[in-house]
Amino acid sequence: MKIRLTEYDENWIQLFNDEVLFLRGIFGEEIIKFEHFGSTAVPGMKAKPVIDMMCLVKDIKKIDTFNEQMHSLGYDVAGEWGIEGRRLFRKGGENRTHHIHVYQQDNFQIQRHLILRDYLRAYPDVAARYTSLKEELAQRYDDTTVYSKAKKPFVEELEQSALNWFKSQGL
C-alpha cells in the first residue's frame, strides 16, 4: 500500500469521536475506555490519515466473538497482527481510515503507546524531527511495510526517550 502522509488535520479528532460512538454500539459493556494515539493524535504532526484508536476492554477473548459482525461492517479482522494480546480491526480497505487496536485493560502495550503520544505532544520539536524522517522515508519507499521497517530504529529510540521522560516525571 502506498504511503499517504498529510498535514495535521483537526478533523481527525472528530473522526476519532465518531468512531468511538459507533464502536460503543457494537462492543457495548465490554468497553472500558477509548484512547486516540499515534501520529494523528499529535497536533501539528504529519501523518498517514489513519486514525489509531485504542479500545480498552474487560476481556480480550470476548472481543473475538465480534469478528463476524465487524467483518460484515467493513472492517478487516486482523487478529493479534504481531502483538500478543491485541486484536486489530482495520477500516477502509486500501484507503484505510481507522485502525482499532483492542487491548485487555491490563496489557503492558497500552502504556507504551500512550507515553509515546504524550511525549510527542509535550515536545513539538521531537514530533517535528519524527515528521521529517517520515517525509524522507515516504519519498524513498512506496510500500508501507518497508516504510515501517525503515522507521523502526528511530521509533524504538523515541519510545525509550519517552519512557525515560515519563519516569523522570514521577508519573
Protein backbone atom coordinates (compact mmCIF):
# COMPACT_ATOMS: atom_id res chain seq x y z
CA MET A 1 0.00 0.00 0.00
CA LYS A 2 1.28 3.48 -0.96
CA ILE A 3 2.29 5.82 1.87
CA ARG A 4 -0.06 8.78 2.19
CA LEU A 5 1.38 11.46 4.50
CA THR A 6 -0.76 14.52 5.07
CA GLU A 7 -0.62 17.66 7.14
CA TYR A 8 -2.22 17.50 10.58
CA ASP A 9 -6.00 17.78 10.31
CA GLU A 10 -8.12 18.87 13.26
CA ASN A 11 -10.95 16.78 11.78
CA TRP A 12 -9.05 13.68 12.93
CA ILE A 13 -10.35 14.35 16.45
CA GLN A 14 -13.94 14.28 15.19
CA LEU A 15 -13.30 11.14 13.14
CA PHE A 16 -12.00 9.51 16.32
CA ASN A 17 -15.04 10.64 18.33
CA ASP A 18 -17.47 9.47 15.64
CA GLU A 19 -15.87 6.03 15.57
CA VAL A 20 -15.99 5.83 19.37
CA LEU A 21 -19.76 6.27 19.26
CA PHE A 22 -20.10 3.67 16.52
CA LEU A 23 -17.91 1.10 18.29
CA ARG A 24 -19.67 1.61 21.63
CA GLY A 25 -22.81 0.43 19.83
CA ILE A 26 -21.03 -2.76 18.82
CA PHE A 27 -18.88 -3.73 21.81
CA GLY A 28 -21.20 -2.26 24.45
CA GLU A 29 -20.41 -3.21 28.02
CA GLU A 30 -17.06 -4.80 27.13
CA ILE A 31 -15.52 -1.34 26.65
CA ILE A 32 -13.74 0.41 29.48
CA LYS A 33 -12.37 3.37 27.51
CA PHE A 34 -11.01 4.60 24.20
CA GLU A 35 -7.75 6.45 23.52
CA HIS A 36 -6.63 8.28 20.39
CA PHE A 37 -2.93 7.61 19.81
CA GLY A 38 -0.36 7.55 17.04
CA SER A 39 0.59 10.49 14.83
CA THR A 40 -2.99 11.64 14.16
CA ALA A 41 -3.28 12.28 17.93
CA VAL A 42 -0.34 14.72 17.96
CA PRO A 43 -1.28 18.28 16.96
CA GLY A 44 0.87 19.64 14.16
CA MET A 45 2.36 16.30 13.16
CA LYS A 46 2.16 14.96 9.62
CA ALA A 47 0.67 11.50 9.49
CA LYS A 48 -0.82 8.83 7.36
CA PRO A 49 -4.51 9.81 7.59
CA VAL A 50 -5.40 6.67 9.51
CA ILE A 51 -6.86 7.17 12.98
CA ASP A 52 -5.18 4.87 15.51
CA MET A 53 -7.67 4.06 18.21
CA MET A 54 -7.09 2.07 21.35
CA CYS A 55 -10.07 0.29 22.78
CA LEU A 56 -9.51 -0.97 26.33
CA VAL A 57 -11.79 -3.86 27.23
CA LYS A 58 -12.56 -6.11 30.17
CA ASP A 59 -11.90 -9.46 28.43
CA ILE A 60 -9.95 -9.66 25.16
CA LYS A 61 -11.23 -13.17 24.40
CA LYS A 62 -14.83 -11.89 24.29
CA ILE A 63 -13.81 -9.49 21.51
CA ASP A 64 -13.24 -12.46 19.20
CA THR A 65 -16.99 -13.12 19.28
CA PHE A 66 -17.48 -9.81 17.40
CA ASN A 67 -15.24 -10.75 14.44
CA GLU A 68 -18.04 -11.76 12.09
CA GLN A 69 -20.06 -8.63 12.90
CA MET A 70 -17.02 -6.37 12.44
CA HIS A 71 -16.24 -8.03 9.10
CA SER A 72 -19.84 -7.54 7.95
CA LEU A 73 -19.49 -3.83 8.83
CA GLY A 74 -16.48 -3.48 6.54
CA TYR A 75 -13.61 -3.99 8.96
CA ASP A 76 -10.66 -6.20 8.16
CA VAL A 77 -10.27 -8.60 11.10
CA ALA A 78 -6.50 -8.97 11.58
CA GLY A 79 -6.32 -10.78 14.94
CA GLU A 80 -3.20 -10.14 17.01
CA TRP A 81 -1.23 -8.96 13.94
CA GLY A 82 2.15 -9.39 15.62
CA ILE A 83 1.34 -8.08 19.10
CA GLU A 84 0.32 -10.72 21.62
CA GLY A 85 -2.93 -9.95 23.38
CA ARG A 86 -4.10 -7.36 20.85
CA ARG A 87 -6.99 -7.58 18.41
CA LEU A 88 -6.66 -5.35 15.37
CA PHE A 89 -9.51 -4.21 13.15
CA ARG A 90 -8.78 -2.10 10.06
CA LYS A 91 -11.41 0.04 8.36
CA GLY A 92 -11.37 1.36 4.80
CA GLY A 93 -9.62 -1.31 2.74
CA GLU A 94 -6.82 0.10 0.57
CA ASN A 95 -7.73 3.64 1.68
CA ARG A 96 -7.77 2.87 5.38
CA THR A 97 -9.33 5.38 7.70
CA HIS A 98 -9.05 3.68 11.11
CA HIS A 99 -7.02 1.09 12.95
CA ILE A 100 -8.81 -0.20 16.04
CA HIS A 101 -6.30 -1.69 18.48
CA VAL A 102 -8.19 -3.61 21.16
CA TYR A 103 -6.37 -4.50 24.37
CA GLN A 104 -7.49 -6.02 27.62
CA GLN A 105 -7.20 -3.34 30.31
CA ASP A 106 -4.07 -4.87 31.90
CA ASN A 107 -1.97 -5.30 28.73
CA PHE A 108 1.53 -3.82 29.08
CA GLN A 109 1.44 -2.44 25.50
CA ILE A 110 -1.12 0.22 26.47
CA GLN A 111 1.29 2.34 28.49
CA ARG A 112 3.96 2.23 25.76
CA HIS A 113 1.58 3.72 23.19
CA LEU A 114 0.16 6.40 25.47
CA ILE A 115 3.50 7.52 26.89
CA LEU A 116 4.86 7.98 23.36
CA ARG A 117 1.79 10.01 22.36
CA ASP A 118 2.09 12.23 25.44
CA TYR A 119 5.84 12.69 24.92
CA LEU A 120 5.33 13.85 21.32
CA ARG A 121 2.60 16.23 22.46
CA ALA A 122 4.91 17.65 25.15
CA TYR A 123 7.89 18.05 22.79
CA PRO A 124 6.84 19.52 19.42
CA ASP A 125 10.50 19.69 18.33
CA VAL A 126 10.78 15.91 18.69
CA ALA A 127 7.49 15.50 16.79
CA ALA A 128 8.93 17.72 14.03
CA ARG A 129 12.06 15.52 13.78
CA TYR A 130 9.86 12.45 13.56
CA THR A 131 7.77 14.14 10.84
CA SER A 132 10.93 14.93 8.85
CA LEU A 133 12.02 11.31 8.99
CA LYS A 134 8.59 10.12 7.88
CA GLU A 135 8.62 12.56 4.95
CA GLU A 136 12.08 11.38 3.87
CA LEU A 137 11.09 7.70 4.12
CA ALA A 138 7.78 8.26 2.31
CA GLN A 139 9.71 9.74 -0.63
CA ARG A 140 12.15 6.84 -0.62
CA TYR A 141 9.72 3.93 -0.20
CA ASP A 142 6.39 3.17 -1.84
CA ASP A 143 5.39 0.24 0.35
CA THR A 144 4.10 0.75 3.90
CA THR A 145 5.77 -2.44 5.13
CA VAL A 146 9.22 -1.26 4.01
CA TYR A 147 8.48 2.27 5.25
CA SER A 148 7.51 0.97 8.70
CA LYS A 149 10.59 -1.23 8.91
CA ALA A 150 12.85 1.70 7.95
CA LYS A 151 11.48 3.96 10.68
CA LYS A 152 11.52 1.25 13.37
CA PRO A 153 15.00 2.06 14.82
CA PHE A 154 14.04 5.72 15.23
CA VAL A 155 10.69 4.78 16.81
CA GLU A 156 12.37 2.38 19.25
CA GLU A 157 14.79 5.13 20.30
CA LEU A 158 11.87 7.55 20.57
CA GLU A 159 9.94 5.11 22.76
CA GLN A 160 12.93 4.77 25.10
CA SER A 161 13.24 8.57 25.38
CA ALA A 162 9.52 8.80 26.09
CA LEU A 163 9.76 6.14 28.78
CA ASN A 164 12.73 7.92 30.41
CA TRP A 165 10.77 11.19 30.29
CA PHE A 166 7.76 9.50 31.88
CA LYS A 167 9.87 8.01 34.67
CA SER A 168 11.55 11.38 35.33
CA GLN A 169 8.11 12.96 35.76
CA GLY A 170 7.40 10.59 38.65
CA LEU A 171 4.13 9.65 36.96
